[in-house]
Amino acid sequence: MTKRKLIKLGGSVFEQLDPRYYEEWSQWLAEKNELIILHGGGPALSAYCRDMNIKAEFNNGIRVTTEQVLLGAERVLGGEVQSKIVYALNENGLPAIGLTGIDGASI
């Protein structure tokens, strides 16, 4: 029976990820299971907003997503951060593709 594992990681984690994780995930896939990695990237999005002079708004510690922030999220999270993660996974022998919430009208 195929099992599915969902892992949520911060977008910057991949730059310092212990190689043993890749080994564990490779074994998981070798056993014909599914692996889904959901990533963040708050620091990269915050840097984008600073560079673009977009005022960050937070409500109880949660970023308020304005139209400008959403555009940045699409560019930074769906582009730069995701590409780095997919590259790192592929470089470590894990067949990976990247999808965003707009791909296939998934959200």
PDB file of N, CA and C in Angstrom:
ATOM      1  N   MET A   1       0.839  -1.178   0.000  1.00  0.00           N
ATOM      2  CA  MET A   1       0.000   0.000   0.000  1.00  0.00           C
ATOM      3  C   MET A   1       0.888   1.245   0.000  1.00  0.00           C
ATOM      4  N   THR A   2       0.626   2.158  -0.918  1.00  0.00           N
ATOM      5  CA  THR A   2       1.390   3.398  -1.015  1.00  0.00           C
ATOM      6  C   THR A   2       1.021   4.329   0.129  1.00  0.00           C
ATOM      7  N   LYS A   3       2.045   4.912   0.717  1.00  0.00           N
ATOM      8  CA  LYS A   3       1.845   5.890   1.772  1.00  0.00           C
ATOM      9  C   LYS A   3       2.287   7.247   1.245  1.00  0.00           C
ATOM     10  N   ARG A   4       1.745   8.283   1.825  1.00  0.00           N
ATOM     11  CA  ARG A   4       2.096   9.642   1.431  1.00  0.00           C
ATOM     12  C   ARG A   4       2.641  10.376   2.655  1.00  0.00           C
ATOM     13  N   LYS A   5       3.759  11.081   2.455  1.00  0.00           N
ATOM     14  CA  LYS A   5       4.356  11.878   3.522  1.00  0.00           C
ATOM     15  C   LYS A   5       4.368  13.328   3.075  1.00  0.00           C
ATOM     16  N   LEU A   6       3.868  14.215   3.949  1.00  0.00           N
ATOM     17  CA  LEU A   6       3.866  15.653   3.692  1.00  0.00           C
ATOM     18  C   LEU A   6       4.830  16.303   4.672  1.00  0.00           C
ATOM     19  N   ILE A   7       5.779  17.059   4.134  1.00  0.00           N
ATOM     20  CA  ILE A   7       6.784  17.730   4.941  1.00  0.00           C
ATOM     21  C   ILE A   7       6.669  19.224   4.696  1.00  0.00           C
ATOM     22  N   LYS A   8       6.573  19.989   5.776  1.00  0.00           N
ATOM     23  CA  LYS A   8       6.531  21.456   5.675  1.00  0.00           C
ATOM     24  C   LYS A   8       7.867  21.998   6.164  1.00  0.00           C
ATOM     25  N   LEU A   9       8.558  22.702   5.290  1.00  0.00           N
ATOM     26  CA  LEU A   9       9.862  23.269   5.625  1.00  0.00           C
ATOM     27  C   LEU A   9       9.903  24.743   5.260  1.00  0.00           C
ATOM     28  N   GLY A  10      10.631  25.492   6.027  1.00  0.00           N
ATOM     29  CA  GLY A  10      10.885  26.876   5.668  1.00  0.00           C
ATOM     30  C   GLY A  10      11.729  26.918   4.400  1.00  0.00           C
ATOM     31  N   GLY A  11      11.521  27.930   3.591  1.00  0.00           N
ATOM     32  CA  GLY A  11      12.233  28.019   2.316  1.00  0.00           C
ATOM     33  C   GLY A  11      13.741  28.103   2.449  1.00  0.00           C
ATOM     34  N   SER A  12      14.235  28.661   3.541  1.00  0.00           N
ATOM     35  CA  SER A  12      15.679  28.802   3.720  1.00  0.00           C
ATOM     36  C   SER A  12      16.321  27.544   4.288  1.00  0.00           C
ATOM     37  N   VAL A  13      15.527  26.578   4.713  1.00  0.00           N
ATOM     38  CA  VAL A  13      16.051  25.359   5.335  1.00  0.00           C
ATOM     39  C   VAL A  13      16.899  24.550   4.358  1.00  0.00           C
ATOM     40  N   PHE A  14      16.528  24.539   3.093  1.00  0.00           N
ATOM     41  CA  PHE A  14      17.231  23.698   2.125  1.00  0.00           C
ATOM     42  C   PHE A  14      18.702  24.062   1.977  1.00  0.00           C
ATOM     43  N   GLU A  15      19.043  25.305   2.281  1.00  0.00           N
ATOM     44  CA  GLU A  15      20.434  25.723   2.182  1.00  0.00           C
ATOM     45  C   GLU A  15      21.295  25.089   3.265  1.00  0.00           C
ATOM     46  N   GLN A  16      20.677  24.603   4.331  1.00  0.00           N
ATOM     47  CA  GLN A  16      21.431  24.029   5.436  1.00  0.00           C
ATOM     48  C   GLN A  16      20.929  22.646   5.828  1.00  0.00           C
ATOM     49  N   LEU A  17      20.220  21.989   4.931  1.00  0.00           N
ATOM     50  CA  LEU A  17      19.615  20.696   5.222  1.00  0.00           C
ATOM     51  C   LEU A  17      20.670  19.600   5.346  1.00  0.00           C
ATOM     52  N   ASP A  18      20.583  18.831   6.413  1.00  0.00           N
ATOM     53  CA  ASP A  18      21.489  17.710   6.641  1.00  0.00           C
ATOM     54  C   ASP A  18      21.275  16.675   5.532  1.00  0.00           C
ATOM     55  N   PRO A  19      22.345  16.181   4.916  1.00  0.00           N
ATOM     56  CA  PRO A  19      22.224  15.205   3.825  1.00  0.00           C
ATOM     57  C   PRO A  19      21.461  13.940   4.208  1.00  0.00           C
ATOM     58  N   ARG A  20      21.376  13.647   5.486  1.00  0.00           N
ATOM     59  CA  ARG A  20      20.641  12.449   5.901  1.00  0.00           C
ATOM     60  C   ARG A  20      19.155  12.540   5.558  1.00  0.00           C
ATOM     61  N   TYR A  21      18.625  13.751   5.457  1.00  0.00           N
ATOM     62  CA  TYR A  21      17.226  13.884   5.059  1.00  0.00           C
ATOM     63  C   TYR A  21      17.021  13.378   3.639  1.00  0.00           C
ATOM     64  N   TYR A  22      17.939  13.738   2.753  1.00  0.00           N
ATOM     65  CA  TYR A  22      17.830  13.269   1.371  1.00  0.00           C
ATOM     66  C   TYR A  22      17.893  11.748   1.312  1.00  0.00           C
ATOM     67  N   GLU A  23      18.747  11.160   2.127  1.00  0.00           N
ATOM     68  CA  GLU A  23      18.853   9.694   2.179  1.00  0.00           C
ATOM     69  C   GLU A  23      17.547   9.084   2.674  1.00  0.00           C
ATOM     70  N   GLU A  24      16.967   9.666   3.725  1.00  0.00           N
ATOM     71  CA  GLU A  24      15.696   9.166   4.264  1.00  0.00           C
ATOM     72  C   GLU A  24      14.586   9.271   3.223  1.00  0.00           C
ATOM     73  N   TRP A  25      14.527  10.415   2.553  1.00  0.00           N
ATOM     74  CA  TRP A  25      13.482  10.608   1.555  1.00  0.00           C
ATOM     75  C   TRP A  25      13.673   9.685   0.356  1.00  0.00           C
ATOM     76  N   SER A  26      14.927   9.439  -0.028  1.00  0.00           N
ATOM     77  CA  SER A  26      15.205   8.512  -1.134  1.00  0.00           C
ATOM     78  C   SER A  26      14.715   7.109  -0.786  1.00  0.00           C
ATOM     79  N   GLN A  27      14.969   6.691   0.438  1.00  0.00           N
ATOM     80  CA  GLN A  27      14.505   5.374   0.889  1.00  0.00           C
ATOM     81  C   GLN A  27      12.980   5.311   0.870  1.00  0.00           C
ATOM     82  N   TRP A  28      12.336   6.372   1.326  1.00  0.00           N
ATOM     83  CA  TRP A  28      10.877   6.456   1.339  1.00  0.00           C
ATOM     84  C   TRP A  28      10.320   6.269  -0.080  1.00  0.00           C
ATOM     85  N   LEU A  29      10.933   6.955  -1.040  1.00  0.00           N
ATOM     86  CA  LEU A  29      10.489   6.844  -2.430  1.00  0.00           C
ATOM     87  C   LEU A  29      10.809   5.477  -3.021  1.00  0.00           C
ATOM     88  N   ALA A  30      11.945   4.908  -2.635  1.00  0.00           N
ATOM     89  CA  ALA A  30      12.328   3.575  -3.126  1.00  0.00           C
ATOM     90  C   ALA A  30      11.317   2.516  -2.698  1.00  0.00           C
ATOM     91  N   GLU A  31      10.632   2.776  -1.599  1.00  0.00           N
ATOM     92  CA  GLU A  31       9.602   1.859  -1.110  1.00  0.00           C
ATOM     93  C   GLU A  31       8.253   2.126  -1.780  1.00  0.00           C
ATOM     94  N   LYS A  32       8.280   2.901  -2.878  1.00  0.00           N
ATOM     95  CA  LYS A  32       7.096   3.215  -3.696  1.00  0.00           C
ATOM     96  C   LYS A  32       6.070   4.074  -2.962  1.00  0.00           C
ATOM     97  N   ASN A  33       6.556   4.936  -2.072  1.00  0.00           N
ATOM     98  CA  ASN A  33       5.696   5.879  -1.376  1.00  0.00           C
ATOM     99  C   ASN A  33       5.774   7.242  -2.058  1.00  0.00           C
ATOM    100  N   GLU A  34       4.905   8.128  -1.645  1.00  0.00           N
ATOM    101  CA  GLU A  34       4.853   9.475  -2.200  1.00  0.00           C
ATOM    102  C   GLU A  34       5.396  10.478  -1.189  1.00  0.00           C
ATOM    103  N   LEU A  35       6.067  11.491  -1.694  1.00  0.00           N
ATOM    104  CA  LEU A  35       6.636  12.538  -0.853  1.00  0.00           C
ATOM    105  C   LEU A  35       6.198  13.895  -1.392  1.00  0.00           C
ATOM    106  N   ILE A  36       5.617  14.700  -0.535  1.00  0.00           N
ATOM    107  CA  ILE A  36       5.203  16.055  -0.888  1.00  0.00           C
ATOM    108  C   ILE A  36       5.912  16.994   0.071  1.00  0.00           C
ATOM    109  N   ILE A  37       6.583  17.987  -0.487  1.00  0.00           N
ATOM    110  CA  ILE A  37       7.260  18.979   0.339  1.00  0.00           C
ATOM    111  C   ILE A  37       6.591  20.325   0.104  1.00  0.00           C
ATOM    112  N   LEU A  38       6.107  20.890   1.175  1.00  0.00           N
ATOM    113  CA  LEU A  38       5.482  22.201   1.155  1.00  0.00           C
ATOM    114  C   LEU A  38       6.492  23.173   1.749  1.00  0.00           C
ATOM    115  N   HIS A  39       6.808  24.219   1.027  1.00  0.00           N
ATOM    116  CA  HIS A  39       7.853  25.122   1.508  1.00  0.00           C
ATOM    117  C   HIS A  39       7.314  26.505   1.802  1.00  0.00           C
ATOM    118  N   GLY A  40       8.037  27.167   2.658  1.00  0.00           N
ATOM    119  CA  GLY A  40       7.781  28.566   2.951  1.00  0.00           C
ATOM    120  C   GLY A  40       8.839  29.412   2.272  1.00  0.00           C
ATOM    121  N   GLY A  41       9.058  30.563   2.814  1.00  0.00           N
ATOM    122  CA  GLY A  41      10.060  31.468   2.261  1.00  0.00           C
ATOM    123  C   GLY A  41       9.836  32.879   2.730  1.00  0.00           C
ATOM    124  N   GLY A  42       9.343  33.002   3.941  1.00  0.00           N
ATOM    125  CA  GLY A  42       9.041  34.313   4.501  1.00  0.00           C
ATOM    126  C   GLY A  42      10.189  35.304   4.435  1.00  0.00           C
ATOM    127  N   PRO A  43      11.417  34.909   4.818  1.00  0.00           N
ATOM    128  CA  PRO A  43      12.529  35.863   4.752  1.00  0.00           C
ATOM    129  C   PRO A  43      12.798  36.362   3.320  1.00  0.00           C
ATOM    130  N   ALA A  44      12.687  35.481   2.343  1.00  0.00           N
ATOM    131  CA  ALA A  44      12.902  35.893   0.950  1.00  0.00           C
ATOM    132  C   ALA A  44      11.798  36.845   0.494  1.00  0.00           C
ATOM    133  N   LEU A  45      10.574  36.568   0.915  1.00  0.00           N
ATOM    134  CA  LEU A  45       9.467  37.460   0.561  1.00  0.00           C
ATOM    135  C   LEU A  45       9.620  38.808   1.263  1.00  0.00           C
ATOM    136  N   SER A  46      10.044  38.789   2.510  1.00  0.00           N
ATOM    137  CA  SER A  46      10.277  40.051   3.226  1.00  0.00           C
ATOM    138  C   SER A  46      11.362  40.874   2.552  1.00  0.00           C
ATOM    139  N   ALA A  47      12.430  40.215   2.096  1.00  0.00           N
ATOM    140  CA  ALA A  47      13.510  40.915   1.392  1.00  0.00           C
ATOM    141  C   ALA A  47      12.989  41.529   0.096  1.00  0.00           C
ATOM    142  N   TYR A  48      12.177  40.793  -0.625  1.00  0.00           N
ATOM    143  CA  TYR A  48      11.575  41.313  -1.856  1.00  0.00           C
ATOM    144  C   TYR A  48      10.752  42.566  -1.547  1.00  0.00           C
ATOM    145  N   CYS A  49       9.929  42.466  -0.512  1.00  0.00           N
ATOM    146  CA  CYS A  49       9.084  43.611  -0.147  1.00  0.00           C
ATOM    147  C   CYS A  49       9.928  44.825   0.217  1.00  0.00           C
ATOM    148  N   ARG A  50      11.017  44.608   0.949  1.00  0.00           N
ATOM    149  CA  ARG A  50      11.909  45.730   1.285  1.00  0.00           C
ATOM    150  C   ARG A  50      12.500  46.330   0.018  1.00  0.00           C
ATOM    151  N   ASP A  51      12.989  45.474  -0.882  1.00  0.00           N
ATOM    152  CA  ASP A  51      13.606  45.943  -2.124  1.00  0.00           C
ATOM    153  C   ASP A  51      12.621  46.722  -2.997  1.00  0.00           C
ATOM    154  N   MET A  52      11.364  46.325  -2.954  1.00  0.00           N
ATOM    155  CA  MET A  52      10.333  46.957  -3.781  1.00  0.00           C
ATOM    156  C   MET A  52       9.589  48.062  -3.028  1.00  0.00           C
ATOM    157  N   ASN A  53      10.055  48.389  -1.825  1.00  0.00           N
ATOM    158  CA  ASN A  53       9.416  49.413  -0.985  1.00  0.00           C
ATOM    159  C   ASN A  53       7.935  49.128  -0.717  1.00  0.00           C
ATOM    160  N   ILE A  54       7.652  47.845  -0.468  1.00  0.00           N
ATOM    161  CA  ILE A  54       6.301  47.432  -0.105  1.00  0.00           C
ATOM    162  C   ILE A  54       6.256  47.325   1.414  1.00  0.00           C
ATOM    163  N   LYS A  55       5.359  48.069   2.020  1.00  0.00           N
ATOM    164  CA  LYS A  55       5.254  48.072   3.477  1.00  0.00           C
ATOM    165  C   LYS A  55       4.669  46.738   3.942  1.00  0.00           C
ATOM    166  N   ALA A  56       5.406  46.041   4.798  1.00  0.00           N
ATOM    167  CA  ALA A  56       4.934  44.770   5.347  1.00  0.00           C
ATOM    168  C   ALA A  56       3.910  45.048   6.439  1.00  0.00           C
ATOM    169  N   GLU A  57       2.796  44.361   6.347  1.00  0.00           N
ATOM    170  CA  GLU A  57       1.766  44.473   7.370  1.00  0.00           C
ATOM    171  C   GLU A  57       1.569  43.102   7.999  1.00  0.00           C
ATOM    172  N   PHE A  58       1.512  43.074   9.322  1.00  0.00           N
ATOM    173  CA  PHE A  58       1.295  41.821  10.039  1.00  0.00           C
ATOM    174  C   PHE A  58       0.137  42.000  11.006  1.00  0.00           C
ATOM    175  N   ASN A  59      -0.668  40.969  11.146  1.00  0.00           N
ATOM    176  CA  ASN A  59      -1.780  40.958  12.080  1.00  0.00           C
ATOM    177  C   ASN A  59      -1.609  39.730  12.962  1.00  0.00           C
ATOM    178  N   ASN A  60      -1.304  39.947  14.234  1.00  0.00           N
ATOM    179  CA  ASN A  60      -1.042  38.849  15.172  1.00  0.00           C
ATOM    180  C   ASN A  60       0.064  37.926  14.662  1.00  0.00           C
ATOM    181  N   GLY A  61       1.098  38.509  14.067  1.00  0.00           N
ATOM    182  CA  GLY A  61       2.243  37.746  13.597  1.00  0.00           C
ATOM    183  C   GLY A  61       2.073  37.109  12.233  1.00  0.00           C
ATOM    184  N   ILE A  62       0.929  37.303  11.603  1.00  0.00           N
ATOM    185  CA  ILE A  62       0.659  36.716  10.287  1.00  0.00           C
ATOM    186  C   ILE A  62       0.695  37.824   9.240  1.00  0.00           C
ATOM    187  N   ARG A  63       1.448  37.573   8.170  1.00  0.00           N
ATOM    188  CA  ARG A  63       1.579  38.570   7.102  1.00  0.00           C
ATOM    189  C   ARG A  63       0.223  38.824   6.448  1.00  0.00           C
ATOM    190  N   VAL A  64      -0.116  40.092   6.273  1.00  0.00           N
ATOM    191  CA  VAL A  64      -1.315  40.485   5.543  1.00  0.00           C
ATOM    192  C   VAL A  64      -0.947  40.487   4.062  1.00  0.00           C
ATOM    193  N   THR A  65      -1.701  39.723   3.279  1.00  0.00           N
ATOM    194  CA  THR A  65      -1.371  39.579   1.862  1.00  0.00           C
ATOM    195  C   THR A  65      -2.150  40.577   1.029  1.00  0.00           C
ATOM    196  N   THR A  66      -1.488  41.674   0.721  1.00  0.00           N
ATOM    197  CA  THR A  66      -2.063  42.677  -0.175  1.00  0.00           C
ATOM    198  C   THR A  66      -1.803  42.229  -1.613  1.00  0.00           C
ATOM    199  N   GLU A  67      -2.342  42.947  -2.573  1.00  0.00           N
ATOM    200  CA  GLU A  67      -2.098  42.596  -3.982  1.00  0.00           C
ATOM    201  C   GLU A  67      -0.610  42.654  -4.314  1.00  0.00           C
ATOM    202  N   GLN A  68       0.093  43.664  -3.781  1.00  0.00           N
ATOM    203  CA  GLN A  68       1.530  43.789  -4.043  1.00  0.00           C
ATOM    204  C   GLN A  68       2.304  42.629  -3.409  1.00  0.00           C
ATOM    205  N   VAL A  69       1.921  42.246  -2.201  1.00  0.00           N
ATOM    206  CA  VAL A  69       2.594  41.126  -1.525  1.00  0.00           C
ATOM    207  C   VAL A  69       2.304  39.826  -2.263  1.00  0.00           C
ATOM    208  N   LEU A  70       1.076  39.661  -2.737  1.00  0.00           N
ATOM    209  CA  LEU A  70       0.723  38.451  -3.480  1.00  0.00           C
ATOM    210  C   LEU A  70       1.557  38.332  -4.755  1.00  0.00           C
ATOM    211  N   LEU A  71       1.734  39.425  -5.461  1.00  0.00           N
ATOM    212  CA  LEU A  71       2.579  39.415  -6.654  1.00  0.00           C
ATOM    213  C   LEU A  71       4.005  39.012  -6.280  1.00  0.00           C
ATOM    214  N   GLY A  72       4.512  39.554  -5.182  1.00  0.00           N
ATOM    215  CA  GLY A  72       5.843  39.182  -4.712  1.00  0.00           C
ATOM    216  C   GLY A  72       5.920  37.715  -4.345  1.00  0.00           C
ATOM    217  N   ALA A  73       4.889  37.200  -3.693  1.00  0.00           N
ATOM    218  CA  ALA A  73       4.865  35.787  -3.311  1.00  0.00           C
ATOM    219  C   ALA A  73       4.912  34.897  -4.551  1.00  0.00           C
ATOM    220  N   GLU A  74       4.163  35.264  -5.568  1.00  0.00           N
ATOM    221  CA  GLU A  74       4.183  34.482  -6.813  1.00  0.00           C
ATOM    222  C   GLU A  74       5.578  34.491  -7.423  1.00  0.00           C
ATOM    223  N   ARG A  75       6.211  35.651  -7.438  1.00  0.00           N
ATOM    224  CA  ARG A  75       7.540  35.771  -8.036  1.00  0.00           C
ATOM    225  C   ARG A  75       8.608  35.066  -7.204  1.00  0.00           C
ATOM    226  N   VAL A  76       8.598  35.312  -5.898  1.00  0.00           N
ATOM    227  CA  VAL A  76       9.672  34.830  -5.033  1.00  0.00           C
ATOM    228  C   VAL A  76       9.463  33.374  -4.630  1.00  0.00           C
ATOM    229  N   LEU A  77       8.281  33.054  -4.102  1.00  0.00           N
ATOM    230  CA  LEU A  77       8.047  31.694  -3.620  1.00  0.00           C
ATOM    231  C   LEU A  77       7.852  30.706  -4.764  1.00  0.00           C
ATOM    232  N   GLY A  78       7.051  31.113  -5.755  1.00  0.00           N
ATOM    233  CA  GLY A  78       6.791  30.235  -6.888  1.00  0.00           C
ATOM    234  C   GLY A  78       7.911  30.206  -7.906  1.00  0.00           C
ATOM    235  N   GLY A  79       8.823  31.126  -7.799  1.00  0.00           N
ATOM    236  CA  GLY A  79       9.938  31.193  -8.742  1.00  0.00           C
ATOM    237  C   GLY A  79      11.251  30.861  -8.075  1.00  0.00           C
ATOM    238  N   GLU A  80      11.833  31.850  -7.444  1.00  0.00           N
ATOM    239  CA  GLU A  80      13.180  31.726  -6.881  1.00  0.00           C
ATOM    240  C   GLU A  80      13.306  30.625  -5.835  1.00  0.00           C
ATOM    241  N   VAL A  81      12.459  30.659  -4.809  1.00  0.00           N
ATOM    242  CA  VAL A  81      12.583  29.684  -3.718  1.00  0.00           C
ATOM    243  C   VAL A  81      12.286  28.277  -4.221  1.00  0.00           C
ATOM    244  N   GLN A  82      11.186  28.126  -4.936  1.00  0.00           N
ATOM    245  CA  GLN A  82      10.808  26.811  -5.438  1.00  0.00           C
ATOM    246  C   GLN A  82      11.870  26.231  -6.365  1.00  0.00           C
ATOM    247  N   SER A  83      12.423  27.039  -7.239  1.00  0.00           N
ATOM    248  CA  SER A  83      13.448  26.555  -8.167  1.00  0.00           C
ATOM    249  C   SER A  83      14.672  26.033  -7.428  1.00  0.00           C
ATOM    250  N   LYS A  84      15.083  26.742  -6.382  1.00  0.00           N
ATOM    251  CA  LYS A  84      16.237  26.292  -5.594  1.00  0.00           C
ATOM    252  C   LYS A  84      15.952  24.960  -4.910  1.00  0.00           C
ATOM    253  N   ILE A  85      14.742  24.799  -4.408  1.00  0.00           N
ATOM    254  CA  ILE A  85      14.377  23.560  -3.719  1.00  0.00           C
ATOM    255  C   ILE A  85      14.326  22.395  -4.702  1.00  0.00           C
ATOM    256  N   VAL A  86      13.678  22.595  -5.834  1.00  0.00           N
ATOM    257  CA  VAL A  86      13.594  21.532  -6.844  1.00  0.00           C
ATOM    258  C   VAL A  86      14.997  21.147  -7.307  1.00  0.00           C
ATOM    259  N   TYR A  87      15.847  22.142  -7.515  1.00  0.00           N
ATOM    260  CA  TYR A  87      17.225  21.879  -7.930  1.00  0.00           C
ATOM    261  C   TYR A  87      17.950  21.035  -6.874  1.00  0.00           C
ATOM    262  N   ALA A  88      17.823  21.429  -5.610  1.00  0.00           N
ATOM    263  CA  ALA A  88      18.502  20.698  -4.531  1.00  0.00           C
ATOM    264  C   ALA A  88      18.010  19.257  -4.445  1.00  0.00           C
ATOM    265  N   LEU A  89      16.717  19.060  -4.576  1.00  0.00           N
ATOM    266  CA  LEU A  89      16.174  17.699  -4.534  1.00  0.00           C
ATOM    267  C   LEU A  89      16.701  16.870  -5.698  1.00  0.00           C
ATOM    268  N   ASN A  90      16.650  17.431  -6.904  1.00  0.00           N
ATOM    269  CA  ASN A  90      17.141  16.709  -8.080  1.00  0.00           C
ATOM    270  C   ASN A  90      18.632  16.401  -7.972  1.00  0.00           C
ATOM    271  N   GLU A  91      19.403  17.340  -7.467  1.00  0.00           N
ATOM    272  CA  GLU A  91      20.843  17.133  -7.290  1.00  0.00           C
ATOM    273  C   GLU A  91      21.147  16.019  -6.293  1.00  0.00           C
ATOM    274  N   ASN A  92      20.205  15.747  -5.417  1.00  0.00           N
ATOM    275  CA  ASN A  92      20.383  14.691  -4.422  1.00  0.00           C
ATOM    276  C   ASN A  92      19.628  13.417  -4.796  1.00  0.00           C
ATOM    277  N   GLY A  93      19.334  13.272  -6.080  1.00  0.00           N
ATOM    278  CA  GLY A  93      18.751  12.035  -6.588  1.00  0.00           C
ATOM    279  C   GLY A  93      17.260  11.871  -6.357  1.00  0.00           C
ATOM    280  N   LEU A  94      16.587  12.920  -5.987  1.00  0.00           N
ATOM    281  CA  LEU A  94      15.141  12.855  -5.767  1.00  0.00           C
ATOM    282  C   LEU A  94      14.425  13.508  -6.943  1.00  0.00           C
ATOM    283  N   PRO A  95      13.633  12.749  -7.688  1.00  0.00           N
ATOM    284  CA  PRO A  95      12.925  13.334  -8.829  1.00  0.00           C
ATOM    285  C   PRO A  95      11.859  14.299  -8.330  1.00  0.00           C
ATOM    286  N   ALA A  96      12.038  15.578  -8.622  1.00  0.00           N
ATOM    287  CA  ALA A  96      11.139  16.592  -8.087  1.00  0.00           C
ATOM    288  C   ALA A  96      10.611  17.500  -9.185  1.00  0.00           C
ATOM    289  N   ILE A  97       9.395  17.933  -8.989  1.00  0.00           N
ATOM    290  CA  ILE A  97       8.797  18.979  -9.818  1.00  0.00           C
ATOM    291  C   ILE A  97       8.233  20.023  -8.866  1.00  0.00           C
ATOM    292  N   GLY A  98       8.057  21.232  -9.348  1.00  0.00           N
ATOM    293  CA  GLY A  98       7.510  22.291  -8.519  1.00  0.00           C
ATOM    294  C   GLY A  98       6.142  22.704  -9.026  1.00  0.00           C
ATOM    295  N   LEU A  99       5.219  22.875  -8.113  1.00  0.00           N
ATOM    296  CA  LEU A  99       3.875  23.346  -8.438  1.00  0.00           C
ATOM    297  C   LEU A  99       3.532  24.500  -7.501  1.00  0.00           C
ATOM    298  N   THR A 100       2.732  25.416  -7.994  1.00  0.00           N
ATOM    299  CA  THR A 100       2.218  26.488  -7.136  1.00  0.00           C
ATOM    300  C   THR A 100       0.712  26.294  -7.008  1.00  0.00           C
ATOM    301  N   GLY A 101       0.107  27.092  -6.168  1.00  0.00           N
ATOM    302  CA  GLY A 101      -1.326  26.989  -5.970  1.00  0.00           C
ATOM    303  C   GLY A 101      -2.147  27.301  -7.202  1.00  0.00           C
ATOM    304  N   ILE A 102      -1.564  28.001  -8.172  1.00  0.00           N
ATOM    305  CA  ILE A 102      -2.319  28.313  -9.392  1.00  0.00           C
ATOM    306  C   ILE A 102      -2.179  27.224 -10.456  1.00  0.00           C
ATOM    307  N   ASP A 103      -1.185  26.349 -10.317  1.00  0.00           N
ATOM    308  CA  ASP A 103      -1.002  25.270 -11.289  1.00  0.00           C
ATOM    309  C   ASP A 103      -2.140  24.258 -11.170  1.00  0.00           C
ATOM    310  N   GLY A 104      -2.783  23.994 -12.280  1.00  0.00           N
ATOM    311  CA  GLY A 104      -3.884  23.052 -12.276  1.00  0.00           C
ATOM    312  C   GLY A 104      -5.070  23.513 -11.443  1.00  0.00           C
ATOM    313  N   ALA A 105      -5.139  24.830 -11.194  1.00  0.00           N
ATOM    314  CA  ALA A 105      -6.210  25.403 -10.365  1.00  0.00           C
ATOM    315  C   ALA A 105      -6.340  24.643  -9.055  1.00  0.00           C
ATOM    316  N   SER A 106      -5.186  24.318  -8.445  1.00  0.00           N
ATOM    317  CA  SER A 106      -5.204  23.506  -7.238  1.00  0.00           C
ATOM    318  C   SER A 106      -5.753  24.249  -6.022  1.00  0.00           C
ATOM    319  N   ILE A 107      -5.627  25.575  -6.010  1.00  0.00           N
ATOM    320  CA  ILE A 107      -6.288  26.355  -4.945  1.00  0.00           C
ATOM    321  C   ILE A 107      -6.926  27.585  -5.550  1.00  0.00           C
TER     322      ILE A 107
END
